C-alpha atoms as a PDB file:
ATOM      1  CA  MET A   1      12.554  34.339  18.082  1.00  0.00           C
ATOM      2  CA  ILE A   2      13.206  34.179  21.803  1.00  0.00           C
ATOM      3  CA  CYS A   3      16.598  32.549  21.597  1.00  0.00           C
ATOM      4  CA  SER A   4      18.481  29.880  19.733  1.00  0.00           C
ATOM      5  CA  SER A   5      18.552  26.305  21.014  1.00  0.00           C
ATOM      6  CA  ALA A   6      19.614  22.821  20.113  1.00  0.00           C
ATOM      7  CA  ALA A   7      16.044  22.075  19.032  1.00  0.00           C
ATOM      8  CA  ALA A   8      16.156  24.765  16.342  1.00  0.00           C
ATOM      9  CA  GLN A   9      19.180  23.133  14.749  1.00  0.00           C
ATOM     10  CA  ASP A  10      18.046  19.504  15.094  1.00  0.00           C
ATOM     11  CA  PRO A  11      14.423  18.926  14.007  1.00  0.00           C
ATOM     12  CA  SER A  12      14.711  15.190  14.793  1.00  0.00           C
ATOM     13  CA  ARG A  13      15.777  15.841  18.392  1.00  0.00           C
ATOM     14  CA  TYR A  14      12.446  14.755  19.901  1.00  0.00           C
ATOM     15  CA  ASN A  15      10.774  11.346  19.881  1.00  0.00           C
ATOM     16  CA  GLN A  16       7.374  10.936  18.255  1.00  0.00           C
ATOM     17  CA  TYR A  17       4.586  11.168  20.829  1.00  0.00           C
ATOM     18  CA  ASP A  18       2.078   8.476  19.837  1.00  0.00           C
ATOM     19  CA  ASP A  19      -0.856   9.833  21.826  1.00  0.00           C
ATOM     20  CA  ALA A  20      -0.745  13.275  20.271  1.00  0.00           C
ATOM     21  CA  ASP A  21      -4.148  14.639  19.238  1.00  0.00           C
ATOM     22  CA  ASP A  22      -5.672  17.895  18.069  1.00  0.00           C
ATOM     23  CA  ARG A  23      -5.967  19.375  21.585  1.00  0.00           C
ATOM     24  CA  TYR A  24      -3.722  22.311  20.707  1.00  0.00           C
ATOM     25  CA  GLY A  25      -4.486  24.399  17.646  1.00  0.00           C
ATOM     26  CA  GLU A  26      -2.483  27.199  16.101  1.00  0.00           C
ATOM     27  CA  TRP A  27      -1.272  29.566  18.792  1.00  0.00           C
ATOM     28  CA  ARG A  28      -2.330  33.201  18.545  1.00  0.00           C
ATOM     29  CA  PRO A  29      -0.825  35.448  21.226  1.00  0.00           C
ATOM     30  CA  GLU A  30      -3.253  37.263  23.497  1.00  0.00           C
ATOM     31  CA  TYR A  31      -0.540  39.602  24.758  1.00  0.00           C
ATOM     32  CA  SER A  32       1.519  42.088  22.891  1.00  0.00           C
ATOM     33  CA  THR A  33       5.238  41.493  23.350  1.00  0.00           C
ATOM     34  CA  ASP A  34       5.649  45.253  23.591  1.00  0.00           C
ATOM     35  CA  SER A  35       3.130  45.768  26.370  1.00  0.00           C
ATOM     36  CA  GLY A  36       5.384  44.641  29.204  1.00  0.00           C
ATOM     37  CA  GLY A  37       2.288  43.964  31.292  1.00  0.00           C
ATOM     38  CA  PRO A  38       1.230  40.349  31.810  1.00  0.00           C
ATOM     39  CA  HIS A  39       4.516  38.623  30.963  1.00  0.00           C
ATOM     40  CA  SER A  40       4.949  37.349  34.506  1.00  0.00           C
ATOM     41  CA  GLU A  41       1.495  35.727  34.427  1.00  0.00           C
ATOM     42  CA  LEU A  42       2.252  34.197  31.033  1.00  0.00           C
ATOM     43  CA  ILE A  43       5.552  32.782  32.298  1.00  0.00           C
ATOM     44  CA  ASP A  44       3.851  31.350  35.382  1.00  0.00           C
ATOM     45  CA  ASP A  45       1.192  29.708  33.196  1.00  0.00           C
ATOM     46  CA  LEU A  46       3.856  28.210  30.941  1.00  0.00           C
ATOM     47  CA  ARG A  47       5.772  26.850  33.920  1.00  0.00           C
ATOM     48  CA  LEU A  48       2.594  25.233  35.259  1.00  0.00           C
ATOM     49  CA  LEU A  49       1.925  23.576  31.885  1.00  0.00           C
ATOM     50  CA  ILE A  50       5.522  22.352  31.713  1.00  0.00           C
ATOM     51  CA  ARG A  51       5.267  20.820  35.180  1.00  0.00           C
ATOM     52  CA  GLN A  52       1.945  19.160  34.370  1.00  0.00           C
ATOM     53  CA  ALA A  53       3.333  17.750  31.121  1.00  0.00           C
ATOM     54  CA  GLU A  54       6.328  16.394  32.991  1.00  0.00           C
ATOM     55  CA  GLN A  55       4.253  14.784  35.739  1.00  0.00           C
ATOM     56  CA  GLN A  56       1.789  13.227  33.278  1.00  0.00           C
ATOM     57  CA  ARG A  57       4.486  12.274  30.759  1.00  0.00           C
ATOM     58  CA  ALA A  58       2.524  14.126  28.108  1.00  0.00           C
ATOM     59  CA  ALA A  59       5.536  14.967  25.938  1.00  0.00           C
ATOM     60  CA  ASP A  60       9.062  13.870  25.172  1.00  0.00           C
ATOM     61  CA  PRO A  61      11.321  14.535  28.235  1.00  0.00           C
ATOM     62  CA  VAL A  62      14.004  16.134  26.042  1.00  0.00           C
ATOM     63  CA  PHE A  63      11.413  18.523  24.637  1.00  0.00           C
ATOM     64  CA  ILE A  64      10.218  19.427  28.135  1.00  0.00           C
ATOM     65  CA  LYS A  65      13.792  20.128  29.248  1.00  0.00           C
ATOM     66  CA  ASP A  66      14.471  22.291  26.196  1.00  0.00           C
ATOM     67  CA  LEU A  67      11.237  24.194  26.744  1.00  0.00           C
ATOM     68  CA  ARG A  68      12.084  24.873  30.378  1.00  0.00           C
ATOM     69  CA  ASP A  69      15.651  25.946  29.507  1.00  0.00           C
ATOM     70  CA  THR A  70      14.343  28.276  26.793  1.00  0.00           C
ATOM     71  CA  LEU A  71      11.854  29.850  29.193  1.00  0.00           C
ATOM     72  CA  ASN A  72      14.584  30.340  31.798  1.00  0.00           C
ATOM     73  CA  ARG A  73      16.882  32.026  29.257  1.00  0.00           C
ATOM     74  CA  TYR A  74      14.070  34.283  28.123  1.00  0.00           C
ATOM     75  CA  GLN A  75      13.195  35.258  31.688  1.00  0.00           C
ATOM     76  CA  ARG A  76      16.825  36.035  32.520  1.00  0.00           C
ATOM     77  CA  SER A  77      17.241  38.147  29.382  1.00  0.00           C
ATOM     78  CA  THR A  78      14.127  40.232  30.058  1.00  0.00           C
ATOM     79  CA  SER A  79      14.067  40.480  33.847  1.00  0.00           C
ATOM     80  CA  GLY A  80      17.264  42.522  34.192  1.00  0.00           C
ATOM     81  CA  SER A  81      19.134  42.524  37.489  1.00  0.00           C
ATOM     82  CA  SER A  82      17.938  40.868  40.679  1.00  0.00           C
ATOM     83  CA  ASP A  83      17.218  44.322  42.096  1.00  0.00           C
ATOM     84  CA  GLN A  84      14.872  45.058  39.194  1.00  0.00           C
ATOM     85  CA  TYR A  85      13.169  41.706  39.617  1.00  0.00           C
ATOM     86  CA  ASN A  86      12.727  42.232  43.358  1.00  0.00           C
ATOM     87  CA  ASP A  87      11.340  45.735  42.813  1.00  0.00           C
ATOM     88  CA  ALA A  88       8.814  44.361  40.322  1.00  0.00           C
ATOM     89  CA  TYR A  89       7.820  41.651  42.797  1.00  0.00           C
ATOM     90  CA  ARG A  90       7.261  44.184  45.555  1.00  0.00           C
ATOM     91  CA  ARG A  91       5.083  46.319  43.284  1.00  0.00           C
ATOM     92  CA  ARG A  92       2.771  43.333  42.742  1.00  0.00           C
ATOM     93  CA  ASN A  93       2.611  42.439  46.437  1.00  0.00           C
ATOM     94  CA  ARG A  94       2.365  44.045  49.834  1.00  0.00           C
ATOM     95  CA  THR A  95       4.822  44.143  52.698  1.00  0.00           C
ATOM     96  CA  ILE A  96       3.392  42.413  55.750  1.00  0.00           C
ATOM     97  CA  ILE A  97       6.558  42.395  57.891  1.00  0.00           C
ATOM     98  CA  TYR A  98       9.283  45.019  57.871  1.00  0.00           C
ATOM     99  CA  ASP A  99      11.660  45.726  60.730  1.00  0.00           C
ATOM    100  CA  ASP A 100      15.058  47.396  60.803  1.00  0.00           C
ATOM    101  CA  PHE A 101      15.023  47.401  64.644  1.00  0.00           C
ATOM    102  CA  ARG A 102      15.965  51.079  64.794  1.00  0.00           C
ATOM    103  CA  ASP A 103      13.270  51.760  67.388  1.00  0.00           C
ATOM    104  CA  GLY A 104      15.136  49.513  69.829  1.00  0.00           C
ATOM    105  CA  ASP A 105      12.045  47.436  70.592  1.00  0.00           C
ATOM    106  CA  PHE A 106      11.175  44.240  68.706  1.00  0.00           C
ATOM    107  CA  SER A 107       8.023  43.612  70.759  1.00  0.00           C
ATOM    108  CA  ARG A 108       5.921  46.107  68.806  1.00  0.00           C
ATOM    109  CA  SER A 109       5.444  47.393  65.255  1.00  0.00           C
ATOM    110  CA  PRO A 110       5.862  44.627  64.171  1.00  0.00           C
ATOM    111  CA  ALA A 111       5.190  42.483  67.211  1.00  0.00           C
ATOM    112  CA  TRP A 112       7.775  39.730  67.645  1.00  0.00           C
ATOM    113  CA  GLN A 113       7.525  37.116  70.381  1.00  0.00           C
ATOM    114  CA  VAL A 114      10.402  35.304  72.038  1.00  0.00           C
ATOM    115  CA  ALA A 115       9.429  31.615  72.039  1.00  0.00           C
ATOM    116  CA  SER A 116      12.675  30.579  73.728  1.00  0.00           C
ATOM    117  CA  GLY A 117      16.133  31.912  74.451  1.00  0.00           C
ATOM    118  CA  ASP A 118      17.167  35.548  74.448  1.00  0.00           C
ATOM    119  CA  PHE A 119      17.267  38.355  71.876  1.00  0.00           C
ATOM    120  CA  ARG A 120      18.299  41.979  72.237  1.00  0.00           C
ATOM    121  CA  VAL A 121      18.464  45.088  70.075  1.00  0.00           C
ATOM    122  CA  ASP A 122      21.367  47.514  69.875  1.00  0.00           C
ATOM    123  CA  ARG A 123      22.498  50.154  67.371  1.00  0.00           C
ATOM    124  CA  SER A 124      23.531  47.520  64.851  1.00  0.00           C
ATOM    125  CA  GLY A 125      20.206  45.642  64.886  1.00  0.00           C
ATOM    126  CA  LEU A 126      18.786  42.485  66.409  1.00  0.00           C
ATOM    127  CA  ARG A 127      21.375  40.254  68.087  1.00  0.00           C
ATOM    128  CA  SER A 128      21.245  36.654  69.206  1.00  0.00           C
ATOM    129  CA  VAL A 129      23.894  34.619  71.010  1.00  0.00           C
ATOM    130  CA  VAL A 130      23.568  30.913  71.784  1.00  0.00           C
ATOM    131  CA  ASN A 131      26.526  29.125  73.339  1.00  0.00           C
ATOM    132  CA  THR A 132      27.033  25.465  72.568  1.00  0.00           C
ATOM    133  CA  GLN A 133      28.343  22.382  74.282  1.00  0.00           C
ATOM    134  CA  ILE A 134      30.490  19.671  72.775  1.00  0.00           C
ATOM    135  CA  GLN A 135      28.622  16.375  72.917  1.00  0.00           C
ATOM    136  CA  SER A 136      30.253  13.607  74.933  1.00  0.00           C
ATOM    137  CA  ARG A 137      30.827  10.170  73.390  1.00  0.00           C
ATOM    138  CA  GLN A 138      28.013   8.727  75.454  1.00  0.00           C
ATOM    139  CA  LYS A 139      25.564  11.249  73.988  1.00  0.00           C
ATOM    140  CA  LYS A 140      26.599  10.497  70.425  1.00  0.00           C
ATOM    141  CA  SER A 141      24.676   7.227  70.565  1.00  0.00           C
ATOM    142  CA  GLN A 142      21.414   8.951  71.435  1.00  0.00           C
ATOM    143  CA  GLN A 143      18.879   9.498  68.670  1.00  0.00           C
ATOM    144  CA  VAL A 144      18.563  13.034  67.307  1.00  0.00           C
ATOM    145  CA  ASN A 145      15.168  13.749  65.760  1.00  0.00           C
ATOM    146  CA  ASP A 146      15.920  17.203  64.333  1.00  0.00           C
ATOM    147  CA  VAL A 147      18.279  17.288  61.353  1.00  0.00           C
ATOM    148  CA  GLY A 148      19.430  20.754  62.381  1.00  0.00           C
ATOM    149  CA  ASP A 149      20.451  19.540  65.811  1.00  0.00           C
ATOM    150  CA  LEU A 150      22.153  16.541  64.220  1.00  0.00           C
ATOM    151  CA  LEU A 151      24.149  18.736  61.861  1.00  0.00           C
ATOM    152  CA  PHE A 152      25.070  21.076  64.649  1.00  0.00           C
ATOM    153  CA  ASN A 153      26.166  18.231  66.917  1.00  0.00           C
ATOM    154  CA  VAL A 154      28.513  17.070  64.169  1.00  0.00           C
ATOM    155  CA  LEU A 155      29.869  20.582  63.789  1.00  0.00           C
ATOM    156  CA  ILE A 156      30.536  21.307  67.438  1.00  0.00           C
ATOM    157  CA  ASN A 157      32.235  17.943  67.885  1.00  0.00           C
ATOM    158  CA  GLU A 158      34.844  19.211  65.435  1.00  0.00           C
ATOM    159  CA  LEU A 159      35.811  22.017  67.802  1.00  0.00           C
ATOM    160  CA  ASP A 160      38.839  21.773  70.028  1.00  0.00           C
ATOM    161  CA  LYS A 161      38.640  18.139  71.123  1.00  0.00           C
ATOM    162  CA  ASN A 162      40.977  18.791  74.057  1.00  0.00           C
ATOM    163  CA  LYS A 163      38.284  20.825  75.807  1.00  0.00           C
ATOM    164  CA  LYS A 164      35.987  18.977  78.155  1.00  0.00           C
ATOM    165  CA  PRO A 165      32.217  19.204  77.533  1.00  0.00           C
ATOM    166  CA  GLU A 166      31.565  20.693  80.927  1.00  0.00           C
ATOM    167  CA  ASN A 167      33.787  23.687  80.047  1.00  0.00           C
ATOM    168  CA  ARG A 168      31.286  24.895  77.489  1.00  0.00           C
ATOM    169  CA  LYS A 169      27.883  26.098  78.660  1.00  0.00           C
ATOM    170  CA  LYS A 170      24.931  24.675  76.802  1.00  0.00           C
ATOM    171  CA  GLN A 171      21.862  26.738  75.864  1.00  0.00           C
ATOM    172  CA  PRO A 172      18.613  25.799  74.123  1.00  0.00           C
ATOM    173  CA  PRO A 173      17.945  27.343  70.691  1.00  0.00           C
ATOM    174  CA  ALA A 174      16.787  30.955  70.667  1.00  0.00           C
ATOM    175  CA  ILE A 175      13.515  31.315  68.734  1.00  0.00           C
ATOM    176  CA  LEU A 176      11.808  34.547  67.682  1.00  0.00           C
ATOM    177  CA  VAL A 177       8.393  34.358  65.999  1.00  0.00           C
ATOM    178  CA  ASN A 178       5.867  36.643  64.332  1.00  0.00           C
ATOM    179  CA  ASP A 179       2.359  35.184  64.134  1.00  0.00           C
ATOM    180  CA  ILE A 180       0.913  36.678  60.971  1.00  0.00           C
ATOM    181  CA  SER A 181      -1.078  35.378  58.013  1.00  0.00           C
ATOM    182  CA  ILE A 182       1.175  34.759  54.986  1.00  0.00           C
ATOM    183  CA  SER A 183      -0.022  33.722  51.539  1.00  0.00           C
ATOM    184  CA  ASN A 184       1.307  30.713  49.648  1.00  0.00           C
ATOM    185  CA  ALA A 185       3.510  32.984  47.519  1.00  0.00           C
ATOM    186  CA  PHE A 186       6.003  35.182  49.349  1.00  0.00           C
ATOM    187  CA  ARG A 187       9.387  36.876  49.315  1.00  0.00           C
ATOM    188  CA  ILE A 188      11.536  37.003  52.472  1.00  0.00           C
ATOM    189  CA  SER A 189      14.622  39.207  52.692  1.00  0.00           C
ATOM    190  CA  LEU A 190      17.086  38.919  55.574  1.00  0.00           C
ATOM    191  CA  LYS A 191      20.138  41.154  56.046  1.00  0.00           C
ATOM    192  CA  THR A 192      22.371  39.345  58.505  1.00  0.00           C
ATOM    193  CA  THR A 193      25.935  39.043  59.742  1.00  0.00           C
ATOM    194  CA  VAL A 194      27.406  35.846  61.157  1.00  0.00           C
ATOM    195  CA  LEU A 195      29.677  36.832  64.039  1.00  0.00           C
ATOM    196  CA  ARG A 196      30.909  33.401  65.083  1.00  0.00           C
ATOM    197  CA  ASP A 197      32.149  30.356  63.206  1.00  0.00           C
ATOM    198  CA  LYS A 198      30.666  26.905  63.913  1.00  0.00           C
ATOM    199  CA  SER A 199      27.074  28.113  63.876  1.00  0.00           C
ATOM    200  CA  LEU A 200      23.603  27.278  62.564  1.00  0.00           C
ATOM    201  CA  LEU A 201      20.828  29.780  61.787  1.00  0.00           C
ATOM    202  CA  GLU A 202      17.338  28.762  60.643  1.00  0.00           C
ATOM    203  CA  TRP A 203      14.539  30.968  59.339  1.00  0.00           C
ATOM    204  CA  GLY A 204      11.312  30.557  57.394  1.00  0.00           C
ATOM    205  CA  VAL A 205       7.541  30.159  57.547  1.00  0.00           C
ATOM    206  CA  TYR A 206       5.333  27.847  59.603  1.00  0.00           C
ATOM    207  CA  GLN A 207       1.773  26.648  59.206  1.00  0.00           C
ATOM    208  CA  ASN A 208       0.423  25.127  62.421  1.00  0.00           C
ATOM    209  CA  GLU A 209      -0.111  26.263  66.003  1.00  0.00           C
ATOM    210  CA  GLN A 210       3.037  24.462  67.109  1.00  0.00           C
ATOM    211  CA  ARG A 211       5.011  26.592  64.634  1.00  0.00           C
ATOM    212  CA  THR A 212       6.661  23.540  63.128  1.00  0.00           C
ATOM    213  CA  ASP A 213       5.339  22.561  59.696  1.00  0.00           C
ATOM    214  CA  GLY A 214       6.616  24.715  56.851  1.00  0.00           C
ATOM    215  CA  TYR A 215       9.684  25.693  54.854  1.00  0.00           C
ATOM    216  CA  ARG A 216      12.990  26.842  56.350  1.00  0.00           C
ATOM    217  CA  ILE A 217      16.376  28.007  55.183  1.00  0.00           C
ATOM    218  CA  ARG A 218      19.270  26.715  57.247  1.00  0.00           C
ATOM    219  CA  LEU A 219      22.660  28.394  57.129  1.00  0.00           C
ATOM    220  CA  PHE A 220      25.288  26.057  58.529  1.00  0.00           C
ATOM    221  CA  LEU A 221      28.682  27.750  58.860  1.00  0.00           C
ATOM    222  CA  ASP A 222      31.872  25.800  59.430  1.00  0.00           C
ATOM    223  CA  SER A 223      34.888  25.814  57.115  1.00  0.00           C
ATOM    224  CA  THR A 224      32.562  26.458  54.168  1.00  0.00           C
ATOM    225  CA  PRO A 225      28.946  27.707  54.270  1.00  0.00           C
ATOM    226  CA  LEU A 226      26.211  25.139  53.706  1.00  0.00           C
ATOM    227  CA  PHE A 227      22.722  26.279  52.718  1.00  0.00           C
ATOM    228  CA  GLN A 228      19.718  23.980  53.028  1.00  0.00           C
ATOM    229  CA  LEU A 229      16.087  24.447  52.088  1.00  0.00           C
ATOM    230  CA  ILE A 230      14.090  22.049  54.240  1.00  0.00           C
ATOM    231  CA  LYS A 231      10.471  20.989  54.526  1.00  0.00           C
ATOM    232  CA  ILE A 232       8.990  20.111  57.902  1.00  0.00           C
ATOM    233  CA  THR A 233       5.790  18.024  58.049  1.00  0.00           C
ATOM    234  CA  ARG A 234       4.199  15.518  60.408  1.00  0.00           C
ATOM    235  CA  SER A 235       6.367  12.881  58.745  1.00  0.00           C
ATOM    236  CA  GLY A 236       9.556  14.680  59.784  1.00  0.00           C
ATOM    237  CA  VAL A 237      12.215  16.857  58.213  1.00  0.00           C
ATOM    238  CA  ALA A 238      13.225  16.542  54.554  1.00  0.00           C
ATOM    239  CA  VAL A 239      16.071  18.388  52.845  1.00  0.00           C
ATOM    240  CA  LEU A 240      14.650  19.578  49.515  1.00  0.00           C
ATOM    241  CA  VAL A 241      17.906  21.020  48.194  1.00  0.00           C
ATOM    242  CA  GLN A 242      21.278  22.011  49.617  1.00  0.00           C
ATOM    243  CA  LYS A 243      24.472  23.636  48.424  1.00  0.00           C
ATOM    244  CA  ARG A 244      27.932  24.439  49.762  1.00  0.00           C
ATOM    245  CA  LEU A 245      29.654  27.675  48.754  1.00  0.00           C
ATOM    246  CA  PRO A 246      33.404  27.188  49.309  1.00  0.00           C
ATOM    247  CA  ALA A 247      34.327  30.522  47.716  1.00  0.00           C
ATOM    248  CA  VAL A 248      32.005  32.632  49.888  1.00  0.00           C
ATOM    249  CA  ASN A 249      33.129  34.196  53.167  1.00  0.00           C
ATOM    250  CA  LEU A 250      30.106  34.889  55.352  1.00  0.00           C
ATOM    251  CA  LEU A 251      31.879  35.524  58.639  1.00  0.00           C
ATOM    252  CA  ASN A 252      31.773  39.107  59.987  1.00  0.00           C
ATOM    253  CA  LYS A 253      30.308  40.495  56.767  1.00  0.00           C
ATOM    254  CA  GLU A 254      26.703  41.535  56.163  1.00  0.00           C
ATOM    255  CA  HIS A 255      24.913  39.522  53.499  1.00  0.00           C
ATOM    256  CA  THR A 256      21.419  39.690  52.046  1.00  0.00           C
ATOM    257  CA  LEU A 257      19.515  36.403  51.825  1.00  0.00           C
ATOM    258  CA  VAL A 258      16.276  36.258  49.849  1.00  0.00           C
ATOM    259  CA  LEU A 259      13.855  33.331  49.679  1.00  0.00           C
ATOM    260  CA  THR A 260      11.076  33.520  47.089  1.00  0.00           C
ATOM    261  CA  ARG A 261       8.124  31.200  46.457  1.00  0.00           C
ATOM    262  CA  ASN A 262       5.412  31.531  43.822  1.00  0.00           C
ATOM    263  CA  ASN A 263       1.925  30.070  43.641  1.00  0.00           C
ATOM    264  CA  PHE A 264       3.202  26.988  41.810  1.00  0.00           C
ATOM    265  CA  GLY A 265       5.616  26.015  44.581  1.00  0.00           C
ATOM    266  CA  GLU A 266       8.789  27.165  42.823  1.00  0.00           C
ATOM    267  CA  MET A 267      11.290  28.360  45.428  1.00  0.00           C
ATOM    268  CA  GLN A 268      14.635  30.070  45.051  1.00  0.00           C
ATOM    269  CA  LEU A 269      17.336  31.216  47.469  1.00  0.00           C
ATOM    270  CA  ILE A 270      19.342  34.292  46.452  1.00  0.00           C
ATOM    271  CA  LEU A 271      22.545  35.427  48.162  1.00  0.00           C
ATOM    272  CA  ASN A 272      23.605  39.013  47.454  1.00  0.00           C
ATOM    273  CA  ASP A 273      21.638  39.097  44.162  1.00  0.00           C
ATOM    274  CA  THR A 274      23.128  35.761  43.045  1.00  0.00           C
ATOM    275  CA  PRO A 275      20.848  32.694  42.791  1.00  0.00           C
ATOM    276  CA  VAL A 276      22.163  29.888  44.998  1.00  0.00           C
ATOM    277  CA  MET A 277      19.644  27.071  44.638  1.00  0.00           C
ATOM    278  CA  ARG A 278      16.089  26.401  43.576  1.00  0.00           C
ATOM    279  CA  THR A 279      13.482  23.655  43.785  1.00  0.00           C
ATOM    280  CA  VAL A 280       9.768  22.967  43.457  1.00  0.00           C
ATOM    281  CA  ASP A 281       7.522  21.670  46.222  1.00  0.00           C
ATOM    282  CA  SER A 282       3.752  22.022  46.506  1.00  0.00           C
ATOM    283  CA  VAL A 283       2.985  20.036  49.660  1.00  0.00           C
ATOM    284  CA  PHE A 284       1.667  23.114  51.458  1.00  0.00           C
ATOM    285  CA  ALA A 285      -1.281  24.251  49.340  1.00  0.00           C
ATOM    286  CA  GLN A 286      -2.587  26.737  51.898  1.00  0.00           C
ATOM    287  CA  GLY A 287      -0.938  29.819  53.307  1.00  0.00           C
ATOM    288  CA  PHE A 288       1.188  30.047  56.441  1.00  0.00           C
ATOM    289  CA  ASN A 289       0.611  31.314  59.976  1.00  0.00           C
ATOM    290  CA  GLY A 290       3.863  33.092  60.669  1.00  0.00           C
ATOM    291  CA  PHE A 291       7.589  33.626  60.337  1.00  0.00           C
ATOM    292  CA  LEU A 292      10.384  32.548  62.678  1.00  0.00           C
ATOM    293  CA  LEU A 293      14.091  32.975  63.349  1.00  0.00           C
ATOM    294  CA  LYS A 294      15.869  30.136  65.152  1.00  0.00           C
ATOM    295  CA  ASN A 295      19.442  30.316  66.402  1.00  0.00           C
ATOM    296  CA  HIS A 296      20.581  26.722  67.019  1.00  0.00           C
ATOM    297  CA  GLY A 297      23.997  27.956  68.083  1.00  0.00           C
ATOM    298  CA  GLY A 298      26.310  30.859  67.339  1.00  0.00           C
ATOM    299  CA  GLU A 299      26.166  34.642  67.276  1.00  0.00           C
ATOM    300  CA  TYR A 300      24.234  36.689  64.712  1.00  0.00           C
ATOM    301  CA  ARG A 301      23.315  40.265  63.952  1.00  0.00           C
ATOM    302  CA  ILE A 302      20.170  40.854  61.883  1.00  0.00           C
ATOM    303  CA  ARG A 303      19.844  44.387  60.581  1.00  0.00           C
ATOM    304  CA  GLU A 304      16.671  44.047  58.536  1.00  0.00           C
ATOM    305  CA  VAL A 305      13.795  41.633  57.924  1.00  0.00           C
ATOM    306  CA  GLN A 306      11.215  42.100  55.180  1.00  0.00           C
ATOM    307  CA  LEU A 307       8.422  39.750  54.130  1.00  0.00           C
ATOM    308  CA  ASP A 308       6.256  40.497  51.084  1.00  0.00           C
ATOM    309  CA  ALA A 309       3.219  38.433  50.112  1.00  0.00           C
ATOM    310  CA  SER A 310       0.286  38.644  47.750  1.00  0.00           C
END
């Protein structure tokens, strides 16, 4: 038995499904539970079936929830620590971007491009500084199309309100890109330090020539850190999931952020080996064209970037 559950103790927990037929016969496992080989593929297949059953309403919703919870408990009990899971992921995939910036040059091996703003490399890694400007009351009425800019405008307006806008120099976002083919399933690891409060850092993958459509993580730091996983399409920007972490201090301390996505669109953000949030989205069926870092405002040090893909 994988684990105990409410279903095991309450046989009448699920509603009768009237359209049940003989589609599924007696299950005979193709894999040995002692082999340790294809368990990840089996889990992925089960998750796909669960999602299809949920979308097509092919089974009782309570049963689907219990099945998903059971699978999650099993995966946690067998996967070990996050380090072990990440090592296993890397063994199944290849690293297509790795840079610790020790060579002092981000323009080669791998080749980054500065799309806007300014970046520099010193002994501590890649650094980016973008100064901000408090928005005047007249500008507050103007429409803001980018949710990141909107969030950041709200944040910087909470700075010292006695300072005049003209006393703070405004800069456009600093954007660093790496045009490289990335599969639909990937793992991105970012070791970064936030050096200034009231800041917004964005990073993720893009799909089109304009480097817009895709998935991004946004780290919005004010009194408490706010993480967002967003989706950008032709229709605009949508926040898929977000979470505040009041107990976490990100300022002036290096942290490791990991974003994973599998072939079924399941995505998870991990902070220092601790899962923060997860969601499922399968809008982008094809791969991606590159990876970007975008500093909307603030000061950051990035010591290491690694992107693994199948």
